[in-house]
PDB file of N, CA and C in Angstrom:
ATOM      1  N   UNK A   1       0.846  -1.185   0.000  1.00  0.00           N
ATOM      2  CA  UNK A   1       0.000   0.000   0.000  1.00  0.00           C
ATOM      3  C   UNK A   1       0.888   1.244   0.000  1.00  0.00           C
ATOM      4  N   UNK A   2       0.542   2.191  -0.835  1.00  0.00           N
ATOM      5  CA  UNK A   2       1.316   3.422  -0.912  1.00  0.00           C
ATOM      6  C   UNK A   2       0.921   4.374   0.212  1.00  0.00           C
ATOM      7  N   UNK A   3       1.634   5.465   0.277  1.00  0.00           N
ATOM      8  CA  UNK A   3       1.388   6.469   1.319  1.00  0.00           C
ATOM      9  C   UNK A   3       0.028   7.132   1.156  1.00  0.00           C
ATOM     10  N   UNK A   4      -0.485   7.179  -0.077  1.00  0.00           N
ATOM     11  CA  UNK A   4      -1.770   7.831  -0.325  1.00  0.00           C
ATOM     12  C   UNK A   4      -2.923   6.847  -0.440  1.00  0.00           C
ATOM     13  N   UNK A   5      -2.689   5.593  -0.120  1.00  0.00           N
ATOM     14  CA  UNK A   5      -3.747   4.592  -0.224  1.00  0.00           C
ATOM     15  C   UNK A   5      -4.840   4.900   0.790  1.00  0.00           C
ATOM     16  N   UNK A   6      -6.110   4.861   0.363  1.00  0.00           N
ATOM     17  CA  UNK A   6      -7.210   5.172   1.286  1.00  0.00           C
ATOM     18  C   UNK A   6      -7.394   4.071   2.335  1.00  0.00           C
ATOM     19  N   UNK A   7      -7.750   4.504   3.493  1.00  0.00           N
ATOM     20  CA  UNK A   7      -8.049   3.570   4.575  1.00  0.00           C
ATOM     21  C   UNK A   7      -9.499   3.124   4.392  1.00  0.00           C
ATOM     22  N   UNK A   8      -9.753   1.838   4.146  1.00  0.00           N
ATOM     23  CA  UNK A   8     -11.108   1.420   3.766  1.00  0.00           C
ATOM     24  C   UNK A   8     -12.166   1.589   4.856  1.00  0.00           C
ATOM     25  N   UNK A   9     -11.768   1.637   6.101  1.00  0.00           N
ATOM     26  CA  UNK A   9     -12.743   1.736   7.187  1.00  0.00           C
ATOM     27  C   UNK A   9     -12.733   3.105   7.851  1.00  0.00           C
ATOM     28  N   UNK A  10     -12.239   4.114   7.141  1.00  0.00           N
ATOM     29  CA  UNK A  10     -12.087   5.454   7.716  1.00  0.00           C
ATOM     30  C   UNK A  10     -13.416   5.999   8.241  1.00  0.00           C
ATOM     31  N   UNK A  11     -14.468   5.924   7.454  1.00  0.00           N
ATOM     32  CA  UNK A  11     -15.768   6.462   7.886  1.00  0.00           C
ATOM     33  C   UNK A  11     -16.308   5.722   9.104  1.00  0.00           C
ATOM     34  N   UNK A  12     -16.155   4.421   9.119  1.00  0.00           N
ATOM     35  CA  UNK A  12     -16.637   3.628  10.255  1.00  0.00           C
ATOM     36  C   UNK A  12     -15.872   3.985  11.520  1.00  0.00           C
ATOM     37  N   UNK A  13     -14.558   4.089  11.413  1.00  0.00           N
ATOM     38  CA  UNK A  13     -13.736   4.441  12.577  1.00  0.00           C
ATOM     39  C   UNK A  13     -14.095   5.843  13.065  1.00  0.00           C
ATOM     40  N   UNK A  14     -14.284   6.788  12.143  1.00  0.00           N
ATOM     41  CA  UNK A  14     -14.648   8.143  12.535  1.00  0.00           C
ATOM     42  C   UNK A  14     -15.999   8.193  13.237  1.00  0.00           C
ATOM     43  N   UNK A  15     -16.983   7.475  12.715  1.00  0.00           N
ATOM     44  CA  UNK A  15     -18.314   7.478  13.341  1.00  0.00           C
ATOM     45  C   UNK A  15     -18.276   6.871  14.741  1.00  0.00           C
ATOM     46  N   UNK A  16     -17.599   5.762  14.886  1.00  0.00           N
ATOM     47  CA  UNK A  16     -17.519   5.116  16.201  1.00  0.00           C
ATOM     48  C   UNK A  16     -16.737   5.999  17.174  1.00  0.00           C
ATOM     49  N   UNK A  17     -15.640   6.576  16.711  1.00  0.00           N
ATOM     50  CA  UNK A  17     -14.837   7.442  17.580  1.00  0.00           C
ATOM     51  C   UNK A  17     -15.632   8.665  18.018  1.00  0.00           C
ATOM     52  N   UNK A  18     -16.321   9.300  17.087  1.00  0.00           N
ATOM     53  CA  UNK A  18     -17.113  10.479  17.412  1.00  0.00           C
ATOM     54  C   UNK A  18     -18.210  10.133  18.417  1.00  0.00           C
ATOM     55  N   UNK A  19     -18.896   9.017  18.210  1.00  0.00           N
ATOM     56  CA  UNK A  19     -19.945   8.592  19.136  1.00  0.00           C
ATOM     57  C   UNK A  19     -19.379   8.347  20.529  1.00  0.00           C
ATOM     58  N   UNK A  20     -18.239   7.699  20.593  1.00  0.00           N
ATOM     59  CA  UNK A  20     -17.596   7.428  21.881  1.00  0.00           C
ATOM     60  C   UNK A  20     -17.217   8.727  22.578  1.00  0.00           C
ATOM     61  N   UNK A  21     -16.661   9.673  21.852  1.00  0.00           N
ATOM     62  CA  UNK A  21     -16.258  10.949  22.450  1.00  0.00           C
ATOM     63  C   UNK A  21     -17.464  11.715  22.966  1.00  0.00           C
ATOM     64  N   UNK A  22     -18.563  11.715  22.219  1.00  0.00           N
ATOM     65  CA  UNK A  22     -19.778  12.400  22.664  1.00  0.00           C
ATOM     66  C   UNK A  22     -20.299  11.769  23.951  1.00  0.00           C
ATOM     67  N   UNK A  23     -20.340  10.451  24.010  1.00  0.00           N
ATOM     68  CA  UNK A  23     -20.812   9.777  25.219  1.00  0.00           C
ATOM     69  C   UNK A  23     -19.864  10.039  26.391  1.00  0.00           C
ATOM     70  N   UNK A  24     -18.584  10.052  26.144  1.00  0.00           N
ATOM     71  CA  UNK A  24     -17.607  10.338  27.188  1.00  0.00           C
ATOM     72  C   UNK A  24     -17.803  11.746  27.740  1.00  0.00           C
ATOM     73  N   UNK A  25     -17.984  12.716  26.861  1.00  0.00           N
ATOM     74  CA  UNK A  25     -18.206  14.085  27.314  1.00  0.00           C
ATOM     75  C   UNK A  25     -19.530  14.235  28.061  1.00  0.00           C
ATOM     76  N   UNK A  26     -20.524  13.448  27.693  1.00  0.00           N
ATOM     77  CA  UNK A  26     -21.816  13.515  28.379  1.00  0.00           C
ATOM     78  C   UNK A  26     -21.701  13.007  29.813  1.00  0.00           C
ATOM     79  N   UNK A  27     -20.863  12.023  30.033  1.00  0.00           N
ATOM     80  CA  UNK A  27     -20.723  11.433  31.362  1.00  0.00           C
ATOM     81  C   UNK A  27     -19.680  12.162  32.196  1.00  0.00           C
ATOM     82  N   UNK A  28     -18.573  12.524  31.582  1.00  0.00           N
ATOM     83  CA  UNK A  28     -17.463  13.155  32.287  1.00  0.00           C
ATOM     84  C   UNK A  28     -17.451  14.640  31.971  1.00  0.00           C
ATOM     85  N   UNK A  29     -17.816  15.444  32.936  1.00  0.00           N
ATOM     86  CA  UNK A  29     -17.807  16.890  32.757  1.00  0.00           C
ATOM     87  C   UNK A  29     -16.771  17.479  33.699  1.00  0.00           C
ATOM     88  N   UNK A  30     -15.670  18.010  33.170  1.00  0.00           N
ATOM     89  CA  UNK A  30     -14.622  18.533  34.037  1.00  0.00           C
ATOM     90  C   UNK A  30     -15.016  19.831  34.734  1.00  0.00           C
ATOM     91  N   UNK A  31     -15.968  20.554  34.178  1.00  0.00           N
ATOM     92  CA  UNK A  31     -16.394  21.834  34.742  1.00  0.00           C
ATOM     93  C   UNK A  31     -17.829  21.691  35.219  1.00  0.00           C
ATOM     94  N   UNK A  32     -18.095  22.144  36.426  1.00  0.00           N
ATOM     95  CA  UNK A  32     -19.454  22.088  36.956  1.00  0.00           C
ATOM     96  C   UNK A  32     -20.309  23.130  36.243  1.00  0.00           C
ATOM     97  N   UNK A  33     -21.409  22.686  35.688  1.00  0.00           N
ATOM     98  CA  UNK A  33     -22.306  23.586  34.980  1.00  0.00           C
ATOM     99  C   UNK A  33     -23.617  23.763  35.739  1.00  0.00           C
ATOM    100  N   UNK A  34     -23.578  23.625  37.041  1.00  0.00           N
ATOM    101  CA  UNK A  34     -24.806  23.715  37.825  1.00  0.00           C
ATOM    102  C   UNK A  34     -25.426  25.105  37.747  1.00  0.00           C
ATOM    103  N   UNK A  35     -24.596  26.134  37.547  1.00  0.00           N
ATOM    104  CA  UNK A  35     -25.159  27.479  37.442  1.00  0.00           C
ATOM    105  C   UNK A  35     -26.024  27.615  36.197  1.00  0.00           C
ATOM    106  N   UNK A  36     -25.757  26.822  35.170  1.00  0.00           N
ATOM    107  CA  UNK A  36     -26.581  26.853  33.959  1.00  0.00           C
ATOM    108  C   UNK A  36     -27.811  25.986  34.143  1.00  0.00           C
ATOM    109  N   UNK A  37     -27.613  24.765  34.612  1.00  0.00           N
ATOM    110  CA  UNK A  37     -28.725  23.832  34.709  1.00  0.00           C
ATOM    111  C   UNK A  37     -29.716  24.211  35.799  1.00  0.00           C
ATOM    112  N   UNK A  38     -29.296  24.969  36.799  1.00  0.00           N
ATOM    113  CA  UNK A  38     -30.222  25.338  37.859  1.00  0.00           C
ATOM    114  C   UNK A  38     -31.190  26.430  37.390  1.00  0.00           C
ATOM    115  N   UNK A  39     -30.821  27.161  36.357  1.00  0.00           N
ATOM    116  CA  UNK A  39     -31.662  28.252  35.876  1.00  0.00           C
ATOM    117  C   UNK A  39     -32.535  27.855  34.700  1.00  0.00           C
ATOM    118  N   UNK A  40     -32.067  26.965  33.870  1.00  0.00           N
ATOM    119  CA  UNK A  40     -32.808  26.622  32.663  1.00  0.00           C
ATOM    120  C   UNK A  40     -32.565  25.167  32.293  1.00  0.00           C
ATOM    121  N   UNK A  41     -33.636  24.485  31.942  1.00  0.00           N
ATOM    122  CA  UNK A  41     -33.537  23.128  31.431  1.00  0.00           C
ATOM    123  C   UNK A  41     -33.713  23.216  29.920  1.00  0.00           C
ATOM    124  N   UNK A  42     -32.632  23.048  29.197  1.00  0.00           N
ATOM    125  CA  UNK A  42     -32.688  23.250  27.751  1.00  0.00           C
ATOM    126  C   UNK A  42     -32.908  21.958  26.970  1.00  0.00           C
ATOM    127  N   UNK A  43     -33.151  20.847  27.652  1.00  0.00           N
ATOM    128  CA  UNK A  43     -33.258  19.567  26.952  1.00  0.00           C
ATOM    129  C   UNK A  43     -34.441  19.550  25.980  1.00  0.00           C
ATOM    130  N   UNK A  44     -35.610  19.965  26.424  1.00  0.00           N
ATOM    131  CA  UNK A  44     -36.781  19.936  25.544  1.00  0.00           C
ATOM    132  C   UNK A  44     -36.635  20.943  24.411  1.00  0.00           C
ATOM    133  N   UNK A  45     -36.125  22.121  24.713  1.00  0.00           N
ATOM    134  CA  UNK A  45     -35.929  23.134  23.677  1.00  0.00           C
ATOM    135  C   UNK A  45     -34.922  22.687  22.632  1.00  0.00           C
ATOM    136  N   UNK A  46     -33.878  21.991  23.060  1.00  0.00           N
ATOM    137  CA  UNK A  46     -32.897  21.470  22.112  1.00  0.00           C
ATOM    138  C   UNK A  46     -33.567  20.485  21.168  1.00  0.00           C
ATOM    139  N   UNK A  47     -34.376  19.596  21.726  1.00  0.00           N
ATOM    140  CA  UNK A  47     -35.123  18.631  20.922  1.00  0.00           C
ATOM    141  C   UNK A  47     -36.080  19.348  19.969  1.00  0.00           C
ATOM    142  N   UNK A  48     -36.739  20.374  20.463  1.00  0.00           N
ATOM    143  CA  UNK A  48     -37.762  21.064  19.706  1.00  0.00           C
ATOM    144  C   UNK A  48     -37.193  21.914  18.574  1.00  0.00           C
ATOM    145  N   UNK A  49     -36.090  22.616  18.813  1.00  0.00           N
ATOM    146  CA  UNK A  49     -35.581  23.583  17.845  1.00  0.00           C
ATOM    147  C   UNK A  49     -34.473  23.053  16.941  1.00  0.00           C
ATOM    148  N   UNK A  50     -33.889  21.910  17.227  1.00  0.00           N
ATOM    149  CA  UNK A  50     -32.760  21.411  16.433  1.00  0.00           C
ATOM    150  C   UNK A  50     -33.144  21.197  14.971  1.00  0.00           C
ATOM    151  N   UNK A  51     -34.252  20.529  14.731  1.00  0.00           N
ATOM    152  CA  UNK A  51     -34.636  20.228  13.349  1.00  0.00           C
ATOM    153  C   UNK A  51     -34.944  21.485  12.534  1.00  0.00           C
ATOM    154  N   UNK A  52     -35.757  22.419  13.038  1.00  0.00           N
ATOM    155  CA  UNK A  52     -35.995  23.631  12.235  1.00  0.00           C
ATOM    156  C   UNK A  52     -34.727  24.438  11.972  1.00  0.00           C
ATOM    157  N   UNK A  53     -33.837  24.509  12.946  1.00  0.00           N
ATOM    158  CA  UNK A  53     -32.583  25.244  12.734  1.00  0.00           C
ATOM    159  C   UNK A  53     -31.748  24.554  11.660  1.00  0.00           C
ATOM    160  N   UNK A  54     -31.638  23.224  11.734  1.00  0.00           N
ATOM    161  CA  UNK A  54     -30.868  22.493  10.734  1.00  0.00           C
ATOM    162  C   UNK A  54     -31.459  22.667   9.340  1.00  0.00           C
ATOM    163  N   UNK A  55     -32.769  22.588   9.240  1.00  0.00           N
ATOM    164  CA  UNK A  55     -33.412  22.724   7.937  1.00  0.00           C
ATOM    165  C   UNK A  55     -33.253  24.126   7.370  1.00  0.00           C
ATOM    166  N   UNK A  56     -33.268  25.132   8.229  1.00  0.00           N
ATOM    167  CA  UNK A  56     -33.048  26.505   7.784  1.00  0.00           C
ATOM    168  C   UNK A  56     -31.633  26.670   7.240  1.00  0.00           C
ATOM    169  N   UNK A  57     -30.663  26.100   7.931  1.00  0.00           N
ATOM    170  CA  UNK A  57     -29.271  26.185   7.480  1.00  0.00           C
ATOM    171  C   UNK A  57     -29.098  25.473   6.140  1.00  0.00           C
ATOM    172  N   UNK A  58     -29.699  24.305   5.988  1.00  0.00           N
ATOM    173  CA  UNK A  58     -29.605  23.575   4.721  1.00  0.00           C
ATOM    174  C   UNK A  58     -30.287  24.366   3.604  1.00  0.00           C
ATOM    175  N   UNK A  59     -31.410  25.013   3.895  1.00  0.00           N
ATOM    176  CA  UNK A  59     -32.101  25.807   2.874  1.00  0.00           C
ATOM    177  C   UNK A  59     -31.243  26.993   2.422  1.00  0.00           C
ATOM    178  N   UNK A  60     -30.508  27.580   3.350  1.00  0.00           N
ATOM    179  CA  UNK A  60     -29.670  28.737   3.012  1.00  0.00           C
ATOM    180  C   UNK A  60     -28.349  28.294   2.375  1.00  0.00           C
ATOM    181  N   UNK A  61     -27.701  27.291   2.964  1.00  0.00           N
ATOM    182  CA  UNK A  61     -26.372  26.875   2.507  1.00  0.00           C
ATOM    183  C   UNK A  61     -26.419  25.918   1.319  1.00  0.00           C
ATOM    184  N   UNK A  62     -27.516  25.237   1.158  1.00  0.00           N
ATOM    185  CA  UNK A  62     -27.627  24.256   0.084  1.00  0.00           C
ATOM    186  C   UNK A  62     -27.410  22.846   0.593  1.00  0.00           C
ATOM    187  N   UNK A  63     -27.836  21.890  -0.211  1.00  0.00           N
ATOM    188  CA  UNK A  63     -27.771  20.493   0.209  1.00  0.00           C
ATOM    189  C   UNK A  63     -26.356  19.937   0.202  1.00  0.00           C
ATOM    190  N   UNK A  64     -25.399  20.680  -0.325  1.00  0.00           N
ATOM    191  CA  UNK A  64     -24.018  20.217  -0.358  1.00  0.00           C
ATOM    192  C   UNK A  64     -23.259  20.429   0.937  1.00  0.00           C
ATOM    193  N   UNK A  65     -23.903  20.983   1.951  1.00  0.00           N
ATOM    194  CA  UNK A  65     -23.228  21.240   3.224  1.00  0.00           C
ATOM    195  C   UNK A  65     -22.881  19.910   3.888  1.00  0.00           C
ATOM    196  N   UNK A  66     -21.695  19.855   4.459  1.00  0.00           N
ATOM    197  CA  UNK A  66     -21.270  18.618   5.122  1.00  0.00           C
ATOM    198  C   UNK A  66     -21.911  18.516   6.502  1.00  0.00           C
ATOM    199  N   UNK A  67     -21.950  17.306   7.024  1.00  0.00           N
ATOM    200  CA  UNK A  67     -22.531  17.077   8.344  1.00  0.00           C
ATOM    201  C   UNK A  67     -21.756  17.838   9.418  1.00  0.00           C
ATOM    202  N   UNK A  68     -20.446  17.912   9.273  1.00  0.00           N
ATOM    203  CA  UNK A  68     -19.623  18.628  10.251  1.00  0.00           C
ATOM    204  C   UNK A  68     -19.962  20.110  10.250  1.00  0.00           C
ATOM    205  N   UNK A  69     -20.037  20.703   9.068  1.00  0.00           N
ATOM    206  CA  UNK A  69     -20.371  22.126   8.985  1.00  0.00           C
ATOM    207  C   UNK A  69     -21.787  22.392   9.483  1.00  0.00           C
ATOM    208  N   UNK A  70     -22.710  21.508   9.131  1.00  0.00           N
ATOM    209  CA  UNK A  70     -24.088  21.669   9.597  1.00  0.00           C
ATOM    210  C   UNK A  70     -24.148  21.626  11.116  1.00  0.00           C
ATOM    211  N   UNK A  71     -23.429  20.698  11.713  1.00  0.00           N
ATOM    212  CA  UNK A  71     -23.408  20.592  13.178  1.00  0.00           C
ATOM    213  C   UNK A  71     -22.811  21.839  13.805  1.00  0.00           C
ATOM    214  N   UNK A  72     -21.674  22.288  13.278  1.00  0.00           N
ATOM    215  CA  UNK A  72     -21.017  23.475  13.840  1.00  0.00           C
ATOM    216  C   UNK A  72     -21.882  24.726  13.701  1.00  0.00           C
ATOM    217  N   UNK A  73     -22.646  24.811  12.619  1.00  0.00           N
ATOM    218  CA  UNK A  73     -23.513  25.972  12.424  1.00  0.00           C
ATOM    219  C   UNK A  73     -24.825  25.871  13.198  1.00  0.00           C
ATOM    220  N   UNK A  74     -25.313  24.650  13.432  1.00  0.00           N
ATOM    221  CA  UNK A  74     -26.631  24.478  14.041  1.00  0.00           C
ATOM    222  C   UNK A  74     -26.612  24.467  15.570  1.00  0.00           C
ATOM    223  N   UNK A  75     -25.543  24.005  16.174  1.00  0.00           N
ATOM    224  CA  UNK A  75     -25.525  23.869  17.635  1.00  0.00           C
ATOM    225  C   UNK A  75     -25.674  25.205  18.367  1.00  0.00           C
ATOM    226  N   UNK A  76     -24.903  26.240  18.048  1.00  0.00           N
ATOM    227  CA  UNK A  76     -25.054  27.485  18.811  1.00  0.00           C
ATOM    228  C   UNK A  76     -26.458  28.106  18.764  1.00  0.00           C
ATOM    229  N   UNK A  77     -27.080  28.284  17.575  1.00  0.00           N
ATOM    230  CA  UNK A  77     -28.428  28.869  17.608  1.00  0.00           C
ATOM    231  C   UNK A  77     -29.453  27.939  18.252  1.00  0.00           C
ATOM    232  N   UNK A  78     -29.280  26.639  18.103  1.00  0.00           N
ATOM    233  CA  UNK A  78     -30.218  25.705  18.734  1.00  0.00           C
ATOM    234  C   UNK A  78     -30.160  25.833  20.250  1.00  0.00           C
ATOM    235  N   UNK A  79     -28.959  25.882  20.815  1.00  0.00           N
ATOM    236  CA  UNK A  79     -28.833  26.021  22.263  1.00  0.00           C
ATOM    237  C   UNK A  79     -29.338  27.387  22.737  1.00  0.00           C
ATOM    238  N   UNK A  80     -29.122  28.422  21.948  1.00  0.00           N
ATOM    239  CA  UNK A  80     -29.637  29.745  22.296  1.00  0.00           C
ATOM    240  C   UNK A  80     -31.161  29.743  22.309  1.00  0.00           C
ATOM    241  N   UNK A  81     -31.774  29.187  21.264  1.00  0.00           N
ATOM    242  CA  UNK A  81     -33.243  29.124  21.218  1.00  0.00           C
ATOM    243  C   UNK A  81     -33.791  28.261  22.355  1.00  0.00           C
ATOM    244  N   UNK A  82     -33.113  27.162  22.670  1.00  0.00           N
ATOM    245  CA  UNK A  82     -33.558  26.290  23.758  1.00  0.00           C
ATOM    246  C   UNK A  82     -33.492  27.019  25.093  1.00  0.00           C
ATOM    247  N   UNK A  83     -32.425  27.773  25.309  1.00  0.00           N
ATOM    248  CA  UNK A  83     -32.279  28.533  26.558  1.00  0.00           C
ATOM    249  C   UNK A  83     -33.351  29.613  26.657  1.00  0.00           C
ATOM    250  N   UNK A  84     -33.554  30.361  25.580  1.00  0.00           N
ATOM    251  CA  UNK A  84     -34.583  31.406  25.584  1.00  0.00           C
ATOM    252  C   UNK A  84     -35.973  30.810  25.793  1.00  0.00           C
ATOM    253  N   UNK A  85     -36.228  29.681  25.161  1.00  0.00           N
ATOM    254  CA  UNK A  85     -37.517  29.014  25.327  1.00  0.00           C
ATOM    255  C   UNK A  85     -37.734  28.589  26.773  1.00  0.00           C
ATOM    256  N   UNK A  86     -36.696  28.071  27.403  1.00  0.00           N
ATOM    257  CA  UNK A  86     -36.820  27.652  28.797  1.00  0.00           C
ATOM    258  C   UNK A  86     -37.117  28.835  29.700  1.00  0.00           C
ATOM    259  N   UNK A  87     -36.389  29.930  29.506  1.00  0.00           N
ATOM    260  CA  UNK A  87     -36.541  31.100  30.362  1.00  0.00           C
ATOM    261  C   UNK A  87     -37.848  31.848  30.091  1.00  0.00           C
ATOM    262  N   UNK A  88     -38.188  32.035  28.819  1.00  0.00           N
ATOM    263  CA  UNK A  88     -39.307  32.900  28.459  1.00  0.00           C
ATOM    264  C   UNK A  88     -40.638  32.187  28.283  1.00  0.00           C
ATOM    265  N   UNK A  89     -40.619  30.880  28.026  1.00  0.00           N
ATOM    266  CA  UNK A  89     -41.871  30.161  27.760  1.00  0.00           C
ATOM    267  C   UNK A  89     -42.135  29.062  28.787  1.00  0.00           C
ATOM    268  N   UNK A  90     -41.175  28.140  28.934  1.00  0.00           N
ATOM    269  CA  UNK A  90     -41.419  26.964  29.760  1.00  0.00           C
ATOM    270  C   UNK A  90     -41.545  27.287  31.247  1.00  0.00           C
ATOM    271  N   UNK A  91     -40.611  28.074  31.793  1.00  0.00           N
ATOM    272  CA  UNK A  91     -40.673  28.386  33.224  1.00  0.00           C
ATOM    273  C   UNK A  91     -41.929  29.179  33.591  1.00  0.00           C
ATOM    274  N   UNK A  92     -42.331  30.219  32.834  1.00  0.00           N
ATOM    275  CA  UNK A  92     -43.593  30.892  33.161  1.00  0.00           C
ATOM    276  C   UNK A  92     -44.802  29.955  33.063  1.00  0.00           C
ATOM    277  N   UNK A  93     -44.792  29.057  32.079  1.00  0.00           N
ATOM    278  CA  UNK A  93     -45.902  28.109  31.949  1.00  0.00           C
ATOM    279  C   UNK A  93     -45.961  27.162  33.143  1.00  0.00           C
ATOM    280  N   UNK A  94     -44.799  26.716  33.616  1.00  0.00           N
ATOM    281  CA  UNK A  94     -44.781  25.835  34.779  1.00  0.00           C
ATOM    282  C   UNK A  94     -45.238  26.562  36.044  1.00  0.00           C
ATOM    283  N   UNK A  95     -44.905  27.856  36.157  1.00  0.00           N
ATOM    284  CA  UNK A  95     -45.396  28.639  37.308  1.00  0.00           C
ATOM    285  C   UNK A  95     -46.914  28.770  37.247  1.00  0.00           C
ATOM    286  N   UNK A  96     -47.462  29.009  36.065  1.00  0.00           N
ATOM    287  CA  UNK A  96     -48.925  29.084  35.923  1.00  0.00           C
ATOM    288  C   UNK A  96     -49.578  27.760  36.284  1.00  0.00           C
ATOM    289  N   UNK A  97     -48.938  26.665  35.881  1.00  0.00           N
ATOM    290  CA  UNK A  97     -49.469  25.343  36.199  1.00  0.00           C
ATOM    291  C   UNK A  97     -49.524  25.144  37.709  1.00  0.00           C
ATOM    292  N   UNK A  98     -48.433  25.505  38.408  1.00  0.00           N
ATOM    293  CA  UNK A  98     -48.402  25.356  39.863  1.00  0.00           C
ATOM    294  C   UNK A  98     -49.475  26.204  40.527  1.00  0.00           C
ATOM    295  N   UNK A  99     -49.675  27.427  40.009  1.00  0.00           N
ATOM    296  CA  UNK A  99     -50.693  28.310  40.582  1.00  0.00           C
ATOM    297  C   UNK A  99     -52.090  27.745  40.360  1.00  0.00           C
ATOM    298  N   UNK A 100     -52.346  27.187  39.175  1.00  0.00           N
ATOM    299  CA  UNK A 100     -53.680  26.658  38.900  1.00  0.00           C
ATOM    300  C   UNK A 100     -53.949  25.392  39.697  1.00  0.00           C
ATOM    301  N   UNK A 101     -52.928  24.579  39.910  1.00  0.00           N
ATOM    302  CA  UNK A 101     -53.101  23.374  40.722  1.00  0.00           C
ATOM    303  C   UNK A 101     -53.348  23.741  42.174  1.00  0.00           C
ATOM    304  N   UNK A 102     -52.687  24.784  42.654  1.00  0.00           N
ATOM    305  CA  UNK A 102     -52.861  25.210  44.045  1.00  0.00           C
ATOM    306  C   UNK A 102     -54.286  25.736  44.288  1.00  0.00           C
ATOM    307  N   UNK A 103     -54.946  26.231  43.262  1.00  0.00           N
ATOM    308  CA  UNK A 103     -56.301  26.769  43.426  1.00  0.00           C
ATOM    309  C   UNK A 103     -57.388  25.699  43.411  1.00  0.00           C
ATOM    310  N   UNK A 104     -57.051  24.507  42.911  1.00  0.00           N
ATOM    311  CA  UNK A 104     -58.038  23.426  42.854  1.00  0.00           C
ATOM    312  C   UNK A 104     -58.216  22.883  44.257  1.00  0.00           C
ATOM    313  N   UNK A 105     -59.461  22.886  44.771  1.00  0.00           N
ATOM    314  CA  UNK A 105     -59.670  22.351  46.119  1.00  0.00           C
ATOM    315  C   UNK A 105     -59.433  20.839  46.155  1.00  0.00           C
ATOM    316  N   UNK A 106     -58.981  20.381  47.294  1.00  0.00           N
ATOM    317  CA  UNK A 106     -58.747  18.953  47.458  1.00  0.00           C
ATOM    318  C   UNK A 106     -60.061  18.211  47.314  1.00  0.00           C
ATOM    319  N   UNK A 107     -59.989  17.014  46.787  1.00  0.00           N
ATOM    320  CA  UNK A 107     -61.203  16.208  46.587  1.00  0.00           C
ATOM    321  C   UNK A 107     -61.855  15.924  47.927  1.00  0.00           C
ATOM    322  N   UNK A 108     -63.171  16.071  47.966  1.00  0.00           N
ATOM    323  CA  UNK A 108     -63.921  15.824  49.190  1.00  0.00           C
ATOM    324  C   UNK A 108     -63.999  14.318  49.436  1.00  0.00           C
ATOM    325  N   UNK A 109     -63.717  13.916  50.654  1.00  0.00           N
ATOM    326  CA  UNK A 109     -63.838  12.500  50.982  1.00  0.00           C
ATOM    327  C   UNK A 109     -65.310  12.160  51.140  1.00  0.00           C
ATOM    328  N   UNK A 110     -65.697  11.043  50.612  1.00  0.00           N
ATOM    329  CA  UNK A 110     -67.099  10.630  50.675  1.00  0.00           C
ATOM    330  C   UNK A 110     -67.337   9.723  51.838  1.00  0.00           C
TER     331      UNK A 110
END
């Protein structure tokens, strides 16, 4: 094999390595992010806004955009929208829910 010979399993190795690194980072966090998570839960917003953000980027950039570029372009606005959604929509809605539940009288025992 020459110096420029392609590695036949390059894509497979890259996908497995990337998946492993993502899982490792999810479990092992060297910096405490409790100041972020205590104020906003961005998990639902990330799920909700990721697809529209990705589709908007593909519509603007074209279908030739690579997965790496799409990820790098989509993650920051998705996390921003998720954070704003948590602060401006989800938390006020949960406060309203708590207030409405508190107003419901307890069921009368028969």
